[in-house]
Amino acid sequence: MSPLFGPDPQKVLARGAQMQGRIVGIRVGFTHDDEPIRMDHYAVEAGGQLYGIRQRLDPEEEVRLGQTVGLRVDKDAAVIEWGTVGTTRWKRLKEPPAPGIEDDSDGLGKARQKWVEGTATIVRTGRRSIMMGLTKVSDAVVVVHVDGHEDYELTIKNVVPSFYATHLFAAGRTLPAWVDPKRPDKVKLDWARAAMADPGVGQPPAIARKDEVAEIEPPPIAADGFAAKLMARAGVAVDGDPHAVQDLVSWDAFVAVQRAIAADGWTEDPARQEQLAVGAGVPPREWAGARERWMGRISSDLGIAQAYRVAMGG
């Protein structure tokens, strides 16, 4: 960010004093653009002062309310030093978030006003493949409880825990939930309230990529073998290198956006996908075409398809 619009985060990192702070407040918001982008705001207490910081942290799935983090502090500006430090859209906040977690995403703001409060106890979680096995999403079988009503079992599909609550997505957990009184099958898990009750400082995500059971990989096909020649006649290659492909949206950028879409529950809304793409640095209005091109390469080259499976944790 230019100093004309506030402190320069790179200068804060370069000359700021090192301190230890504690996250005491998290607020999740979105820009007012036509294609809103998620913004994470933190209140961090350090040295007797409270710093307001807008910053995306990476890895975000291990961030917890109450967690100790490193800071670089220059006067009243601070940058959180966490994992891969990124300063895109960083901002010093004059008013830090209130203590606790404020997150109305996924329609929770309206649900809290109009739906019925209840709980959802996770019976089991599961992973299933989508997109022809190229990636996976998570589902949860839960028992829903609403006072005055009989409990019932429900499968919630494409569950994506908020980044600060990934430790809570596990069998046996009872989470605050909101139930549509007209549609009992529509249930929203309130991750903010759940994480305030059980912040999980130091606890890893309940479902991590490294913990997933690897699928059996098919035997490699030699680029000059008989099977490869048959596939070549059908227009399918086997030896593509995605990093060698020249595209306005690079392979790494494509994968980054696909991961963001996966984290968003594999949204199919074009506007939401565009929003996520722009947030990941893809030029505006370029995502739809780039995604079509890359998916075409994935479907026509087993080498690129395999690289995609690995990149997406499949």
C-alpha atoms as a PDB file:
ATOM      1  CA  MET A   1       0.000   0.000   0.000  1.00  0.00           C
ATOM      2  CA  SER A   2       1.280   3.462  -0.829  1.00  0.00           C
ATOM      3  CA  PRO A   3       2.305   5.701   2.106  1.00  0.00           C
ATOM      4  CA  LEU A   4      -0.195   8.221   0.681  1.00  0.00           C
ATOM      5  CA  PHE A   5      -2.958   5.975   1.982  1.00  0.00           C
ATOM      6  CA  GLY A   6      -1.356   4.952   5.252  1.00  0.00           C
ATOM      7  CA  PRO A   7       1.768   3.200   6.538  1.00  0.00           C
ATOM      8  CA  ASP A   8       3.793   1.092   4.122  1.00  0.00           C
ATOM      9  CA  PRO A   9       3.764  -2.540   5.385  1.00  0.00           C
ATOM     10  CA  GLN A  10       7.127  -3.252   3.782  1.00  0.00           C
ATOM     11  CA  LYS A  11       8.692  -0.451   5.801  1.00  0.00           C
ATOM     12  CA  VAL A  12       6.995  -1.712   8.941  1.00  0.00           C
ATOM     13  CA  LEU A  13       8.504  -5.148   8.294  1.00  0.00           C
ATOM     14  CA  ALA A  14      11.933  -3.680   7.554  1.00  0.00           C
ATOM     15  CA  ARG A  15      12.307  -1.290  10.459  1.00  0.00           C
ATOM     16  CA  GLY A  16       9.622  -2.322  12.952  1.00  0.00           C
ATOM     17  CA  ALA A  17      10.460  -3.731  16.356  1.00  0.00           C
ATOM     18  CA  GLN A  18       9.877  -7.423  16.938  1.00  0.00           C
ATOM     19  CA  MET A  19       7.203  -8.198  19.500  1.00  0.00           C
ATOM     20  CA  GLN A  20       4.967 -11.038  20.628  1.00  0.00           C
ATOM     21  CA  GLY A  21       1.242 -10.409  20.554  1.00  0.00           C
ATOM     22  CA  ARG A  22      -1.999 -12.275  21.140  1.00  0.00           C
ATOM     23  CA  ILE A  23      -4.997 -12.339  18.804  1.00  0.00           C
ATOM     24  CA  VAL A  24      -7.953 -11.129  20.881  1.00  0.00           C
ATOM     25  CA  GLY A  25     -10.376 -10.253  18.101  1.00  0.00           C
ATOM     26  CA  ILE A  26     -11.194 -11.466  14.575  1.00  0.00           C
ATOM     27  CA  ARG A  27     -13.640  -9.840  12.193  1.00  0.00           C
ATOM     28  CA  VAL A  28     -14.354 -11.292   8.754  1.00  0.00           C
ATOM     29  CA  GLY A  29     -15.682  -8.825   6.218  1.00  0.00           C
ATOM     30  CA  PHE A  30     -15.960  -8.261   2.488  1.00  0.00           C
ATOM     31  CA  THR A  31     -15.232  -5.342   0.182  1.00  0.00           C
ATOM     32  CA  HIS A  32     -18.088  -3.353  -1.338  1.00  0.00           C
ATOM     33  CA  ASP A  33     -16.933  -4.085  -4.886  1.00  0.00           C
ATOM     34  CA  ASP A  34     -19.276  -5.605  -7.442  1.00  0.00           C
ATOM     35  CA  GLU A  35     -17.272  -8.767  -6.801  1.00  0.00           C
ATOM     36  CA  PRO A  36     -16.653  -8.707  -3.017  1.00  0.00           C
ATOM     37  CA  ILE A  37     -13.329  -9.963  -1.680  1.00  0.00           C
ATOM     38  CA  ARG A  38     -12.938 -11.423   1.800  1.00  0.00           C
ATOM     39  CA  MET A  39     -11.022  -9.281   4.276  1.00  0.00           C
ATOM     40  CA  ASP A  40      -9.708 -10.530   7.620  1.00  0.00           C
ATOM     41  CA  HIS A  41      -9.326  -8.016  10.443  1.00  0.00           C
ATOM     42  CA  TYR A  42      -7.444  -8.711  13.657  1.00  0.00           C
ATOM     43  CA  ALA A  43      -7.145  -7.114  17.066  1.00  0.00           C
ATOM     44  CA  VAL A  44      -3.736  -8.057  18.482  1.00  0.00           C
ATOM     45  CA  GLU A  45      -2.685  -7.185  22.020  1.00  0.00           C
ATOM     46  CA  ALA A  46       1.030  -6.594  22.532  1.00  0.00           C
ATOM     47  CA  GLY A  47       3.055  -4.646  25.061  1.00  0.00           C
ATOM     48  CA  GLY A  48      -0.007  -3.162  26.690  1.00  0.00           C
ATOM     49  CA  GLN A  49      -1.358  -1.824  23.383  1.00  0.00           C
ATOM     50  CA  LEU A  50      -4.064  -3.007  21.017  1.00  0.00           C
ATOM     51  CA  TYR A  51      -3.242  -3.047  17.305  1.00  0.00           C
ATOM     52  CA  GLY A  52      -5.826  -3.208  14.546  1.00  0.00           C
ATOM     53  CA  ILE A  53      -4.570  -5.066  11.493  1.00  0.00           C
ATOM     54  CA  ARG A  54      -6.192  -6.053   8.216  1.00  0.00           C
ATOM     55  CA  GLN A  55      -4.172  -8.935   6.807  1.00  0.00           C
ATOM     56  CA  ARG A  56      -4.621 -12.361   5.229  1.00  0.00           C
ATOM     57  CA  LEU A  57      -2.549 -14.970   7.030  1.00  0.00           C
ATOM     58  CA  ASP A  58      -1.004 -18.034   5.413  1.00  0.00           C
ATOM     59  CA  PRO A  59      -1.496 -20.801   6.478  1.00  0.00           C
ATOM     60  CA  GLU A  60      -4.866 -19.475   7.600  1.00  0.00           C
ATOM     61  CA  GLU A  61      -6.341 -22.824   8.674  1.00  0.00           C
ATOM     62  CA  GLU A  62      -4.140 -22.836  11.802  1.00  0.00           C
ATOM     63  CA  VAL A  63      -5.094 -19.341  13.009  1.00  0.00           C
ATOM     64  CA  ARG A  64      -6.884 -19.337  16.365  1.00  0.00           C
ATOM     65  CA  LEU A  65      -8.496 -16.740  18.620  1.00  0.00           C
ATOM     66  CA  GLY A  66      -6.196 -16.188  21.602  1.00  0.00           C
ATOM     67  CA  GLN A  67      -3.138 -17.400  19.730  1.00  0.00           C
ATOM     68  CA  THR A  68       0.292 -15.856  20.181  1.00  0.00           C
ATOM     69  CA  VAL A  69       1.767 -14.374  17.000  1.00  0.00           C
ATOM     70  CA  GLY A  70       4.886 -12.484  16.068  1.00  0.00           C
ATOM     71  CA  LEU A  71       4.590  -8.804  15.171  1.00  0.00           C
ATOM     72  CA  ARG A  72       6.652  -6.109  13.546  1.00  0.00           C
ATOM     73  CA  VAL A  73       5.605  -2.820  15.133  1.00  0.00           C
ATOM     74  CA  ASP A  74       6.420   0.676  13.922  1.00  0.00           C
ATOM     75  CA  LYS A  75       4.660   3.362  15.984  1.00  0.00           C
ATOM     76  CA  ASP A  76       0.951   2.454  15.834  1.00  0.00           C
ATOM     77  CA  ALA A  77       1.245   0.161  12.802  1.00  0.00           C
ATOM     78  CA  ALA A  78       1.859  -3.574  13.013  1.00  0.00           C
ATOM     79  CA  VAL A  79       2.281  -6.451  10.581  1.00  0.00           C
ATOM     80  CA  ILE A  80       1.635 -10.007  11.750  1.00  0.00           C
ATOM     81  CA  GLU A  81       4.555 -12.340  11.099  1.00  0.00           C
ATOM     82  CA  TRP A  82       2.922 -15.688  10.463  1.00  0.00           C
ATOM     83  CA  GLY A  83       3.987 -18.361   7.989  1.00  0.00           C
ATOM     84  CA  THR A  84       4.317 -16.832   4.555  1.00  0.00           C
ATOM     85  CA  VAL A  85       3.947 -13.129   5.307  1.00  0.00           C
ATOM     86  CA  GLY A  86       1.779 -11.423   2.711  1.00  0.00           C
ATOM     87  CA  THR A  87       0.881  -7.744   2.718  1.00  0.00           C
ATOM     88  CA  THR A  88      -1.572  -7.537  -0.184  1.00  0.00           C
ATOM     89  CA  ARG A  89      -4.511  -5.422   1.041  1.00  0.00           C
ATOM     90  CA  TRP A  90      -2.824  -4.982   4.431  1.00  0.00           C
ATOM     91  CA  LYS A  91      -4.041  -1.968   6.381  1.00  0.00           C
ATOM     92  CA  ARG A  92      -3.583  -0.393   9.788  1.00  0.00           C
ATOM     93  CA  LEU A  93      -6.991  -0.177  11.435  1.00  0.00           C
ATOM     94  CA  LYS A  94      -7.795   2.852  13.567  1.00  0.00           C
ATOM     95  CA  GLU A  95     -10.523   0.831  15.283  1.00  0.00           C
ATOM     96  CA  PRO A  96      -9.496  -2.772  16.031  1.00  0.00           C
ATOM     97  CA  PRO A  97     -12.174  -5.489  15.960  1.00  0.00           C
ATOM     98  CA  ALA A  98     -14.081  -6.096  19.175  1.00  0.00           C
ATOM     99  CA  PRO A  99     -12.971  -8.999  21.388  1.00  0.00           C
ATOM    100  CA  GLY A 100     -14.133 -12.362  20.088  1.00  0.00           C
ATOM    101  CA  ILE A 101     -15.093 -13.323  16.526  1.00  0.00           C
ATOM    102  CA  GLU A 102     -17.450 -11.476  14.222  1.00  0.00           C
ATOM    103  CA  ASP A 103     -18.262 -13.384  11.047  1.00  0.00           C
ATOM    104  CA  ASP A 104     -21.529 -13.075   9.120  1.00  0.00           C
ATOM    105  CA  SER A 105     -20.301 -14.864   6.001  1.00  0.00           C
ATOM    106  CA  ASP A 106     -22.264 -17.712   4.402  1.00  0.00           C
ATOM    107  CA  GLY A 107     -25.489 -15.857   5.140  1.00  0.00           C
ATOM    108  CA  LEU A 108     -25.110 -16.248   8.906  1.00  0.00           C
ATOM    109  CA  GLY A 109     -26.022 -12.606   9.538  1.00  0.00           C
ATOM    110  CA  LYS A 110     -29.548 -13.107   8.190  1.00  0.00           C
ATOM    111  CA  ALA A 111     -29.822 -16.616   9.618  1.00  0.00           C
ATOM    112  CA  ARG A 112     -29.169 -15.344  13.140  1.00  0.00           C
ATOM    113  CA  GLN A 113     -32.010 -12.865  12.707  1.00  0.00           C
ATOM    114  CA  LYS A 114     -34.639 -15.074  11.048  1.00  0.00           C
ATOM    115  CA  TRP A 115     -33.804 -18.734  11.657  1.00  0.00           C
ATOM    116  CA  VAL A 116     -34.174 -20.880  14.764  1.00  0.00           C
ATOM    117  CA  GLU A 117     -31.218 -21.437  17.055  1.00  0.00           C
ATOM    118  CA  GLY A 118     -30.143 -25.002  17.707  1.00  0.00           C
ATOM    119  CA  THR A 119     -27.135 -27.299  17.730  1.00  0.00           C
ATOM    120  CA  ALA A 120     -25.646 -29.842  15.354  1.00  0.00           C
ATOM    121  CA  THR A 121     -23.641 -32.744  16.733  1.00  0.00           C
ATOM    122  CA  ILE A 122     -21.254 -34.227  14.183  1.00  0.00           C
ATOM    123  CA  VAL A 123     -21.714 -37.995  13.964  1.00  0.00           C
ATOM    124  CA  ARG A 124     -19.140 -38.548  11.257  1.00  0.00           C
ATOM    125  CA  THR A 125     -17.362 -36.728   8.480  1.00  0.00           C
ATOM    126  CA  GLY A 126     -16.430 -38.005   5.055  1.00  0.00           C
ATOM    127  CA  ARG A 127     -14.556 -37.036   1.954  1.00  0.00           C
ATOM    128  CA  ARG A 128     -15.922 -37.616  -1.531  1.00  0.00           C
ATOM    129  CA  SER A 129     -14.449 -37.034  -4.940  1.00  0.00           C
ATOM    130  CA  ILE A 130     -15.916 -34.586  -7.397  1.00  0.00           C
ATOM    131  CA  MET A 131     -14.877 -33.315 -10.817  1.00  0.00           C
ATOM    132  CA  MET A 132     -14.174 -36.840 -12.055  1.00  0.00           C
ATOM    133  CA  GLY A 133     -12.034 -37.612  -9.039  1.00  0.00           C
ATOM    134  CA  LEU A 134      -9.717 -34.635  -9.456  1.00  0.00           C
ATOM    135  CA  THR A 135     -10.465 -33.236  -6.024  1.00  0.00           C
ATOM    136  CA  LYS A 136     -12.504 -33.845  -2.888  1.00  0.00           C
ATOM    137  CA  VAL A 137     -15.040 -32.090  -0.672  1.00  0.00           C
ATOM    138  CA  SER A 138     -16.155 -32.779   2.878  1.00  0.00           C
ATOM    139  CA  ASP A 139     -19.615 -33.796   4.075  1.00  0.00           C
ATOM    140  CA  ALA A 140     -20.872 -34.200   7.626  1.00  0.00           C
ATOM    141  CA  VAL A 141     -23.609 -36.360   9.067  1.00  0.00           C
ATOM    142  CA  VAL A 142     -25.062 -34.463  12.034  1.00  0.00           C
ATOM    143  CA  VAL A 143     -27.848 -34.778  14.565  1.00  0.00           C
ATOM    144  CA  VAL A 144     -29.777 -31.523  14.719  1.00  0.00           C
ATOM    145  CA  HIS A 145     -31.345 -30.414  17.980  1.00  0.00           C
ATOM    146  CA  VAL A 146     -33.850 -27.575  18.356  1.00  0.00           C
ATOM    147  CA  ASP A 147     -35.602 -27.041  21.671  1.00  0.00           C
ATOM    148  CA  GLY A 148     -39.190 -28.254  21.551  1.00  0.00           C
ATOM    149  CA  HIS A 149     -38.635 -30.449  18.504  1.00  0.00           C
ATOM    150  CA  GLU A 150     -37.531 -34.031  17.955  1.00  0.00           C
ATOM    151  CA  ASP A 151     -33.891 -34.488  17.022  1.00  0.00           C
ATOM    152  CA  TYR A 152     -33.168 -35.604  13.480  1.00  0.00           C
ATOM    153  CA  GLU A 153     -30.226 -36.739  11.400  1.00  0.00           C
ATOM    154  CA  LEU A 154     -29.059 -34.725   8.415  1.00  0.00           C
ATOM    155  CA  THR A 155     -26.185 -34.820   5.941  1.00  0.00           C
ATOM    156  CA  ILE A 156     -24.664 -31.397   5.323  1.00  0.00           C
ATOM    157  CA  LYS A 157     -22.737 -31.393   2.067  1.00  0.00           C
ATOM    158  CA  ASN A 158     -19.642 -29.414   1.087  1.00  0.00           C
ATOM    159  CA  VAL A 159     -18.796 -28.335   4.620  1.00  0.00           C
ATOM    160  CA  VAL A 160     -16.027 -25.722   4.735  1.00  0.00           C
ATOM    161  CA  PRO A 161     -15.096 -24.730   8.298  1.00  0.00           C
ATOM    162  CA  SER A 162     -14.059 -21.112   8.765  1.00  0.00           C
ATOM    163  CA  PHE A 163     -10.284 -20.815   8.865  1.00  0.00           C
ATOM    164  CA  TYR A 164     -10.231 -20.063  12.616  1.00  0.00           C
ATOM    165  CA  ALA A 165     -12.409 -23.106  13.407  1.00  0.00           C
ATOM    166  CA  THR A 166     -10.869 -25.945  11.405  1.00  0.00           C
ATOM    167  CA  HIS A 167     -10.118 -27.854  14.631  1.00  0.00           C
ATOM    168  CA  LEU A 168     -13.859 -28.185  15.276  1.00  0.00           C
ATOM    169  CA  PHE A 169     -14.793 -30.202  12.209  1.00  0.00           C
ATOM    170  CA  ALA A 170     -14.627 -33.621  13.873  1.00  0.00           C
ATOM    171  CA  ALA A 171     -16.947 -36.391  15.008  1.00  0.00           C
ATOM    172  CA  GLY A 172     -18.364 -35.830  18.478  1.00  0.00           C
ATOM    173  CA  ARG A 173     -18.307 -32.037  18.292  1.00  0.00           C
ATOM    174  CA  THR A 174     -21.552 -30.213  19.095  1.00  0.00           C
ATOM    175  CA  LEU A 175     -21.686 -26.891  17.276  1.00  0.00           C
ATOM    176  CA  PRO A 176     -24.080 -23.941  17.432  1.00  0.00           C
ATOM    177  CA  ALA A 177     -26.358 -24.025  14.393  1.00  0.00           C
ATOM    178  CA  TRP A 178     -29.199 -22.138  12.772  1.00  0.00           C
ATOM    179  CA  VAL A 179     -32.153 -23.933  11.206  1.00  0.00           C
ATOM    180  CA  ASP A 180     -34.535 -22.555   8.600  1.00  0.00           C
ATOM    181  CA  PRO A 181     -37.973 -22.982  10.245  1.00  0.00           C
ATOM    182  CA  LYS A 182     -39.538 -23.561   6.818  1.00  0.00           C
ATOM    183  CA  ARG A 183     -36.833 -25.952   5.626  1.00  0.00           C
ATOM    184  CA  PRO A 184     -35.384 -28.097   8.446  1.00  0.00           C
ATOM    185  CA  ASP A 185     -32.936 -29.550   5.923  1.00  0.00           C
ATOM    186  CA  LYS A 186     -31.282 -26.132   5.625  1.00  0.00           C
ATOM    187  CA  VAL A 187     -28.835 -25.785   8.493  1.00  0.00           C
ATOM    188  CA  LYS A 188     -25.923 -23.385   8.897  1.00  0.00           C
ATOM    189  CA  LEU A 189     -23.100 -24.123  11.320  1.00  0.00           C
ATOM    190  CA  ASP A 190     -22.069 -21.075  13.350  1.00  0.00           C
ATOM    191  CA  TRP A 191     -18.293 -21.405  13.312  1.00  0.00           C
ATOM    192  CA  ALA A 192     -17.751 -18.021  14.981  1.00  0.00           C
ATOM    193  CA  ARG A 193     -19.750 -18.909  18.077  1.00  0.00           C
ATOM    194  CA  ALA A 194     -18.244 -22.383  18.147  1.00  0.00           C
ATOM    195  CA  ALA A 195     -14.684 -21.035  18.046  1.00  0.00           C
ATOM    196  CA  MET A 196     -15.367 -18.444  20.731  1.00  0.00           C
ATOM    197  CA  ALA A 197     -16.551 -21.259  22.998  1.00  0.00           C
ATOM    198  CA  ASP A 198     -13.578 -23.466  22.080  1.00  0.00           C
ATOM    199  CA  PRO A 199     -10.823 -21.404  20.408  1.00  0.00           C
ATOM    200  CA  GLY A 200      -8.511 -24.400  20.001  1.00  0.00           C
ATOM    201  CA  VAL A 201      -5.208 -22.594  20.475  1.00  0.00           C
ATOM    202  CA  GLY A 202      -2.460 -24.923  19.326  1.00  0.00           C
ATOM    203  CA  GLN A 203      -4.865 -27.464  17.854  1.00  0.00           C
ATOM    204  CA  PRO A 204      -4.288 -28.460  14.208  1.00  0.00           C
ATOM    205  CA  PRO A 205      -7.063 -28.727  11.613  1.00  0.00           C
ATOM    206  CA  ALA A 206      -9.231 -31.796  12.229  1.00  0.00           C
ATOM    207  CA  ILE A 207      -8.893 -32.735   8.568  1.00  0.00           C
ATOM    208  CA  ALA A 208      -5.514 -32.016   7.019  1.00  0.00           C
ATOM    209  CA  ARG A 209      -4.314 -32.851   3.532  1.00  0.00           C
ATOM    210  CA  LYS A 210      -1.350 -34.764   4.881  1.00  0.00           C
ATOM    211  CA  ASP A 211      -3.658 -36.998   6.927  1.00  0.00           C
ATOM    212  CA  GLU A 212      -5.801 -38.095   4.000  1.00  0.00           C
ATOM    213  CA  VAL A 213      -5.427 -41.628   2.696  1.00  0.00           C
ATOM    214  CA  ALA A 214      -3.695 -41.479  -0.629  1.00  0.00           C
ATOM    215  CA  GLU A 215      -5.577 -42.959  -3.524  1.00  0.00           C
ATOM    216  CA  ILE A 216      -3.927 -45.746  -5.522  1.00  0.00           C
ATOM    217  CA  GLU A 217      -2.253 -44.138  -8.463  1.00  0.00           C
ATOM    218  CA  PRO A 218      -2.492 -45.738 -11.886  1.00  0.00           C
ATOM    219  CA  PRO A 219       0.773 -47.044 -13.332  1.00  0.00           C
ATOM    220  CA  PRO A 220       2.644 -44.453 -15.345  1.00  0.00           C
ATOM    221  CA  ILE A 221       2.284 -44.560 -19.097  1.00  0.00           C
ATOM    222  CA  ALA A 222       5.516 -44.170 -21.028  1.00  0.00           C
ATOM    223  CA  ALA A 223       5.318 -41.258 -23.446  1.00  0.00           C
ATOM    224  CA  ASP A 224       6.471 -43.497 -26.316  1.00  0.00           C
ATOM    225  CA  GLY A 225       4.671 -46.703 -25.295  1.00  0.00           C
ATOM    226  CA  PHE A 226       1.910 -48.560 -27.090  1.00  0.00           C
ATOM    227  CA  ALA A 227      -0.818 -47.294 -24.755  1.00  0.00           C
ATOM    228  CA  ALA A 228       0.401 -43.736 -25.200  1.00  0.00           C
ATOM    229  CA  LYS A 229       0.219 -44.099 -28.997  1.00  0.00           C
ATOM    230  CA  LEU A 230      -3.350 -45.344 -28.783  1.00  0.00           C
ATOM    231  CA  MET A 231      -4.260 -42.430 -26.547  1.00  0.00           C
ATOM    232  CA  ALA A 232      -2.511 -40.015 -28.873  1.00  0.00           C
ATOM    233  CA  ARG A 233      -4.771 -41.212 -31.698  1.00  0.00           C
ATOM    234  CA  ALA A 234      -7.705 -40.298 -29.469  1.00  0.00           C
ATOM    235  CA  GLY A 235      -6.220 -36.865 -28.868  1.00  0.00           C
ATOM    236  CA  VAL A 236      -5.003 -37.552 -25.315  1.00  0.00           C
ATOM    237  CA  ALA A 237      -1.386 -36.835 -24.354  1.00  0.00           C
ATOM    238  CA  VAL A 238       0.422 -38.268 -21.331  1.00  0.00           C
ATOM    239  CA  ASP A 239       3.529 -36.168 -20.788  1.00  0.00           C
ATOM    240  CA  GLY A 240       2.394 -32.560 -20.420  1.00  0.00           C
ATOM    241  CA  ASP A 241       4.226 -30.217 -18.053  1.00  0.00           C
ATOM    242  CA  PRO A 242       1.815 -27.550 -16.744  1.00  0.00           C
ATOM    243  CA  HIS A 243       4.683 -25.245 -15.771  1.00  0.00           C
ATOM    244  CA  ALA A 244       5.811 -25.153 -19.390  1.00  0.00           C
ATOM    245  CA  VAL A 245       2.421 -23.921 -20.618  1.00  0.00           C
ATOM    246  CA  GLN A 246       2.276 -20.249 -21.551  1.00  0.00           C
ATOM    247  CA  ASP A 247      -0.976 -18.706 -20.354  1.00  0.00           C
ATOM    248  CA  LEU A 248      -2.032 -15.296 -19.081  1.00  0.00           C
ATOM    249  CA  VAL A 249      -3.055 -17.131 -15.902  1.00  0.00           C
ATOM    250  CA  SER A 250      -0.139 -19.325 -14.898  1.00  0.00           C
ATOM    251  CA  TRP A 251      -0.436 -22.864 -13.623  1.00  0.00           C
ATOM    252  CA  ASP A 252       0.369 -21.782 -10.060  1.00  0.00           C
ATOM    253  CA  ALA A 253      -2.231 -19.012 -10.211  1.00  0.00           C
ATOM    254  CA  PHE A 254      -4.835 -21.419 -11.612  1.00  0.00           C
ATOM    255  CA  VAL A 255      -4.188 -23.905  -8.809  1.00  0.00           C
ATOM    256  CA  ALA A 256      -4.333 -21.143  -6.184  1.00  0.00           C
ATOM    257  CA  VAL A 257      -7.783 -20.050  -7.384  1.00  0.00           C
ATOM    258  CA  GLN A 258      -9.040 -23.632  -7.600  1.00  0.00           C
ATOM    259  CA  ARG A 259      -7.963 -24.145  -4.003  1.00  0.00           C
ATOM    260  CA  ALA A 260      -9.804 -20.973  -3.007  1.00  0.00           C
ATOM    261  CA  ILE A 261     -12.924 -22.211  -4.808  1.00  0.00           C
ATOM    262  CA  ALA A 262     -12.576 -25.565  -3.022  1.00  0.00           C
ATOM    263  CA  ALA A 263     -12.301 -23.777   0.324  1.00  0.00           C
ATOM    264  CA  ASP A 264     -15.468 -21.888  -0.600  1.00  0.00           C
ATOM    265  CA  GLY A 265     -17.398 -25.135  -0.973  1.00  0.00           C
ATOM    266  CA  TRP A 266     -16.785 -25.492  -4.718  1.00  0.00           C
ATOM    267  CA  THR A 267     -19.086 -22.606  -5.521  1.00  0.00           C
ATOM    268  CA  GLU A 268     -20.402 -22.703  -9.090  1.00  0.00           C
ATOM    269  CA  ASP A 269     -21.454 -19.057  -9.081  1.00  0.00           C
ATOM    270  CA  PRO A 270     -19.386 -17.319 -11.825  1.00  0.00           C
ATOM    271  CA  ALA A 271     -19.402 -14.004  -9.948  1.00  0.00           C
ATOM    272  CA  ARG A 272     -18.120 -15.649  -6.773  1.00  0.00           C
ATOM    273  CA  GLN A 273     -15.426 -17.525  -8.686  1.00  0.00           C
ATOM    274  CA  GLU A 274     -14.359 -14.275 -10.325  1.00  0.00           C
ATOM    275  CA  GLN A 275     -14.224 -12.639  -6.899  1.00  0.00           C
ATOM    276  CA  LEU A 276     -11.968 -15.377  -5.550  1.00  0.00           C
ATOM    277  CA  ALA A 277      -9.774 -15.222  -8.649  1.00  0.00           C
ATOM    278  CA  VAL A 278      -9.265 -11.470  -8.403  1.00  0.00           C
ATOM    279  CA  GLY A 279      -8.530 -11.873  -4.715  1.00  0.00           C
ATOM    280  CA  ALA A 280      -5.771 -14.334  -5.657  1.00  0.00           C
ATOM    281  CA  GLY A 281      -4.237 -11.856  -8.098  1.00  0.00           C
ATOM    282  CA  VAL A 282      -5.812 -12.925 -11.398  1.00  0.00           C
ATOM    283  CA  PRO A 283      -6.592  -9.904 -13.632  1.00  0.00           C
ATOM    284  CA  PRO A 284     -10.303  -8.991 -13.677  1.00  0.00           C
ATOM    285  CA  ARG A 285     -12.494 -10.830 -16.190  1.00  0.00           C
ATOM    286  CA  GLU A 286      -9.748 -13.313 -17.065  1.00  0.00           C
ATOM    287  CA  TRP A 287     -10.710 -16.211 -14.825  1.00  0.00           C
ATOM    288  CA  ALA A 288     -13.568 -17.793 -16.778  1.00  0.00           C
ATOM    289  CA  GLY A 289     -11.533 -18.121 -19.960  1.00  0.00           C
ATOM    290  CA  ALA A 290      -8.403 -19.254 -18.120  1.00  0.00           C
ATOM    291  CA  ARG A 291     -10.293 -21.918 -16.203  1.00  0.00           C
ATOM    292  CA  GLU A 292     -11.809 -23.269 -19.423  1.00  0.00           C
ATOM    293  CA  ARG A 293      -8.373 -23.441 -21.028  1.00  0.00           C
ATOM    294  CA  TRP A 294      -6.766 -25.198 -18.074  1.00  0.00           C
ATOM    295  CA  MET A 295      -9.599 -27.682 -17.640  1.00  0.00           C
ATOM    296  CA  GLY A 296      -9.294 -28.484 -21.331  1.00  0.00           C
ATOM    297  CA  ARG A 297      -5.600 -29.249 -20.859  1.00  0.00           C
ATOM    298  CA  ILE A 298      -6.354 -31.371 -17.808  1.00  0.00           C
ATOM    299  CA  SER A 299      -8.897 -33.427 -19.731  1.00  0.00           C
ATOM    300  CA  SER A 300      -6.606 -33.928 -22.722  1.00  0.00           C
ATOM    301  CA  ASP A 301      -3.244 -34.624 -21.058  1.00  0.00           C
ATOM    302  CA  LEU A 302      -2.770 -37.235 -18.337  1.00  0.00           C
ATOM    303  CA  GLY A 303       0.474 -35.597 -17.221  1.00  0.00           C
ATOM    304  CA  ILE A 304      -1.270 -32.306 -16.507  1.00  0.00           C
ATOM    305  CA  ALA A 305      -4.235 -34.146 -14.987  1.00  0.00           C
ATOM    306  CA  GLN A 306      -1.927 -35.962 -12.578  1.00  0.00           C
ATOM    307  CA  ALA A 307      -0.194 -32.687 -11.681  1.00  0.00           C
ATOM    308  CA  TYR A 308      -3.627 -31.241 -10.925  1.00  0.00           C
ATOM    309  CA  ARG A 309      -4.555 -34.166  -8.672  1.00  0.00           C
ATOM    310  CA  VAL A 310      -1.324 -33.731  -6.710  1.00  0.00           C
ATOM    311  CA  ALA A 311      -1.712 -29.942  -6.488  1.00  0.00           C
ATOM    312  CA  MET A 312      -5.261 -30.257  -5.145  1.00  0.00           C
ATOM    313  CA  GLY A 313      -4.303 -32.890  -2.591  1.00  0.00           C
ATOM    314  CA  GLY A 314      -6.144 -35.713  -4.328  1.00  0.00           C
END
